[in-house]
Amino acid sequence: MATMGFRLSERFDSSRGDTWARYVQVSGLLALEEVIGVDCSLCPCLIDELGEDDWRHIVYAEHLFGVFDDPDYLLGLCPNRNRKSVQLLALAREPSEEDVQRFQEKGFAFKGYELIEEATCISALTNCRGFEKAFKGTELSACGLIPNHSRAYEVRRLLREHYPDELRADCNVWAIWRREDV
């Protein structure tokens, strides 16, 4: 089974006012209601620094910053958070369909698959306009993710095939769940 990790990040939706409106207009992703993901510029991690004890709880350190093995520990690092501007995500890197089906953590709802170029932590889906040979923006869910496991891996293959010189096309698949009661 894929290792599960948990990350606190900012929400990115219409509550961000003009920033959201400009993003939707420029991205061309007019059907988005929000972005749920781990793109560091759209949904930045809320953990800025790690203390000595935090390292015992870190997972995916070589791939993505601020991912912890325990959601309660992670929530304890940000006790004064604004609930409306925060999302607690559960993540699995390169998951199988069985990994996704087996994850049953209470309060988490499956949202879809993200494609992240890990060196820059940029989403190939919501932060890189112009990959029309791999996917259409209309394929994304209302939260900017690919809903289907096999399609996520196909999009990744097509990105690498059609855009071999594009850094952000060399990405990894992440399954994402969000806890709705944060």
Protein backbone atom coordinates (compact mmCIF):
# COMPACT_ATOMS: atom_id res chain seq x y z
CA MET A 1 0.00 0.00 0.00
CA ALA A 2 1.13 3.53 -0.74
CA THR A 3 2.30 5.61 2.19
CA MET A 4 -0.38 8.03 3.34
CA GLY A 5 0.53 11.55 4.30
CA PHE A 6 -1.36 14.61 5.51
CA ARG A 7 -0.84 18.24 4.58
CA LEU A 8 -2.39 21.53 5.66
CA SER A 9 -2.67 24.05 2.87
CA GLU A 10 -4.51 27.22 2.00
CA ARG A 11 -7.80 26.99 0.16
CA PHE A 12 -7.99 28.64 -3.21
CA ASP A 13 -11.50 29.63 -4.24
CA SER A 14 -13.80 32.61 -4.75
CA SER A 15 -13.22 33.75 -1.16
CA ARG A 16 -9.89 35.07 -2.47
CA GLY A 17 -11.77 37.75 -4.46
CA ASP A 18 -9.95 39.36 -7.37
CA THR A 19 -7.05 36.91 -7.12
CA TRP A 20 -9.47 34.03 -7.81
CA ALA A 21 -11.28 35.89 -10.59
CA ARG A 22 -8.00 36.71 -12.36
CA TYR A 23 -6.78 33.13 -11.98
CA VAL A 24 -9.95 31.65 -13.50
CA GLN A 25 -9.85 34.12 -16.38
CA VAL A 26 -6.15 33.61 -17.18
CA SER A 27 -6.19 29.83 -16.71
CA GLY A 28 -9.27 29.37 -18.88
CA LEU A 29 -10.61 26.89 -16.31
CA LEU A 30 -13.97 28.62 -16.14
CA ALA A 31 -15.85 25.67 -14.58
CA LEU A 32 -13.64 25.54 -11.47
CA GLU A 33 -15.36 26.16 -8.15
CA GLU A 34 -12.11 25.84 -6.18
CA VAL A 35 -8.64 24.35 -6.45
CA ILE A 36 -7.91 21.41 -4.20
CA GLY A 37 -4.31 20.37 -4.57
CA VAL A 38 -0.71 20.64 -3.51
CA ASP A 39 0.51 23.24 -5.99
CA CYS A 40 2.78 25.44 -3.88
CA SER A 41 1.69 28.70 -5.48
CA LEU A 42 -2.07 28.09 -5.61
CA CYS A 43 -2.52 26.12 -2.35
CA PRO A 44 0.64 26.76 -0.33
CA CYS A 45 1.50 24.60 2.64
CA LEU A 46 0.74 26.24 6.00
CA ILE A 47 3.83 24.80 7.66
CA ASP A 48 6.74 27.19 7.10
CA GLU A 49 9.41 25.63 9.27
CA LEU A 50 9.97 22.26 10.86
CA GLY A 51 11.05 21.82 14.45
CA GLU A 52 13.29 19.02 15.63
CA ASP A 53 10.34 16.86 16.79
CA ASP A 54 8.45 17.41 13.53
CA TRP A 55 10.96 15.39 11.52
CA ARG A 56 9.80 12.19 13.23
CA HIS A 57 6.41 12.67 11.56
CA ILE A 58 7.49 13.72 8.06
CA VAL A 59 6.72 11.55 5.04
CA TYR A 60 7.47 12.23 1.36
CA ALA A 61 10.25 14.65 2.35
CA GLU A 62 12.09 13.97 -0.91
CA HIS A 63 8.97 14.75 -2.99
CA LEU A 64 6.80 17.32 -1.24
CA PHE A 65 7.29 19.65 1.73
CA GLY A 66 5.08 19.61 4.79
CA VAL A 67 3.54 16.12 4.59
CA PHE A 68 3.08 14.38 7.94
CA ASP A 69 2.15 10.86 9.01
CA ASP A 70 -0.40 11.93 11.63
CA PRO A 71 -3.26 14.38 10.92
CA ASP A 72 -3.78 15.20 14.60
CA TYR A 73 -0.10 16.02 15.09
CA LEU A 74 -0.23 18.23 12.00
CA LEU A 75 -3.35 20.07 13.18
CA GLY A 76 -1.59 20.70 16.49
CA LEU A 77 1.10 22.66 14.64
CA CYS A 78 -1.49 25.23 13.49
CA PRO A 79 -3.93 25.62 16.39
CA ASN A 80 -5.05 29.15 15.47
CA ARG A 81 -5.94 28.48 11.86
CA ASN A 82 -8.92 30.06 10.13
CA ARG A 83 -11.07 27.04 9.30
CA LYS A 84 -12.57 28.66 6.19
CA SER A 85 -9.17 29.27 4.61
CA VAL A 86 -7.54 25.90 5.41
CA GLN A 87 -7.77 22.43 3.94
CA LEU A 88 -6.44 19.26 5.52
CA LEU A 89 -5.50 16.89 2.74
CA ALA A 90 -4.64 13.20 2.77
CA LEU A 91 -2.20 12.27 0.02
CA ALA A 92 -0.83 9.16 -1.62
CA ARG A 93 1.99 9.36 -4.17
CA GLU A 94 1.75 7.05 -7.18
CA PRO A 95 -1.19 5.09 -5.72
CA SER A 96 -2.74 1.96 -7.15
CA GLU A 97 -6.52 1.80 -7.52
CA GLU A 98 -6.52 -0.54 -4.53
CA ASP A 99 -4.62 2.02 -2.44
CA VAL A 100 -7.30 4.59 -3.18
CA GLN A 101 -10.15 2.20 -2.42
CA ARG A 102 -8.56 1.05 0.87
CA PHE A 103 -8.13 4.50 2.37
CA GLN A 104 -11.05 4.96 4.76
CA GLU A 105 -9.89 7.64 7.20
CA LYS A 106 -12.91 9.11 8.97
CA GLY A 107 -14.03 12.52 7.72
CA PHE A 108 -12.02 12.43 4.47
CA ALA A 109 -13.67 12.50 1.05
CA PHE A 110 -11.83 11.45 -2.10
CA LYS A 111 -11.40 14.42 -4.45
CA GLY A 112 -9.33 13.08 -7.36
CA TYR A 113 -5.83 12.90 -8.79
CA GLU A 114 -3.28 15.68 -9.07
CA LEU A 115 -0.24 15.75 -11.38
CA ILE A 116 2.64 17.56 -9.70
CA GLU A 117 6.08 18.36 -11.03
CA GLU A 118 7.91 17.79 -7.77
CA ALA A 119 11.05 19.90 -8.27
CA THR A 120 8.93 23.06 -8.43
CA CYS A 121 5.75 21.72 -6.77
CA ILE A 122 3.65 23.03 -9.66
CA SER A 123 0.47 21.37 -10.91
CA ALA A 124 0.44 20.31 -14.54
CA LEU A 125 -3.36 20.42 -14.32
CA THR A 126 -4.18 23.81 -12.82
CA ASN A 127 -1.01 25.89 -13.12
CA CYS A 128 0.38 25.11 -16.59
CA ARG A 129 -1.84 26.31 -19.36
CA GLY A 130 -1.25 24.71 -22.74
CA PHE A 131 -1.08 20.92 -22.48
CA GLU A 132 -3.93 20.37 -24.94
CA LYS A 133 -2.31 17.25 -26.46
CA ALA A 134 -2.55 15.53 -23.08
CA PHE A 135 -5.84 16.75 -21.60
CA LYS A 136 -8.54 19.38 -21.93
CA GLY A 137 -9.39 21.72 -19.08
CA THR A 138 -13.00 20.53 -19.32
CA GLU A 139 -11.86 17.08 -18.11
CA LEU A 140 -11.00 18.45 -14.69
CA SER A 141 -13.45 18.24 -11.82
CA ALA A 142 -14.89 21.37 -10.22
CA CYS A 143 -11.87 21.30 -7.87
CA GLY A 144 -9.26 20.99 -10.63
CA LEU A 145 -8.45 17.29 -10.35
CA ILE A 146 -8.78 14.26 -12.62
CA PRO A 147 -11.52 12.05 -11.18
CA ASN A 148 -10.42 8.77 -12.74
CA HIS A 149 -7.32 6.70 -11.80
CA SER A 150 -6.57 5.31 -15.25
CA ARG A 151 -7.10 8.70 -16.91
CA ALA A 152 -4.66 10.36 -14.47
CA TYR A 153 -1.91 7.93 -15.44
CA GLU A 154 -2.80 8.28 -19.13
CA VAL A 155 -2.54 12.07 -18.90
CA ARG A 156 0.86 11.73 -17.28
CA ARG A 157 2.01 9.42 -20.07
CA LEU A 158 0.70 11.86 -22.71
CA LEU A 159 2.41 14.80 -21.02
CA ARG A 160 5.75 13.02 -21.12
CA GLU A 161 5.20 11.83 -24.70
CA HIS A 162 4.02 15.13 -26.22
CA TYR A 163 6.02 17.59 -24.10
CA PRO A 164 9.38 15.87 -23.43
CA ASP A 165 11.26 19.18 -23.12
CA GLU A 166 8.76 20.79 -20.75
CA LEU A 167 9.92 20.53 -17.13
CA ARG A 168 6.40 20.61 -15.71
CA ALA A 169 5.26 17.74 -17.91
CA ASP A 170 7.52 15.39 -15.95
CA CYS A 171 5.15 14.90 -13.05
CA ASN A 172 3.90 12.35 -10.55
CA VAL A 173 0.37 11.26 -9.74
CA TRP A 174 -0.99 12.07 -6.28
CA ALA A 175 -4.37 10.89 -4.96
CA ILE A 176 -6.05 13.54 -2.83
CA TRP A 177 -8.71 13.36 -0.13
CA ARG A 178 -9.91 16.33 1.91
CA ARG A 179 -11.20 16.29 5.43
CA GLU A 180 -14.43 18.21 5.44
CA ASP A 181 -14.63 18.96 9.17
CA VAL A 182 -11.41 20.92 9.67
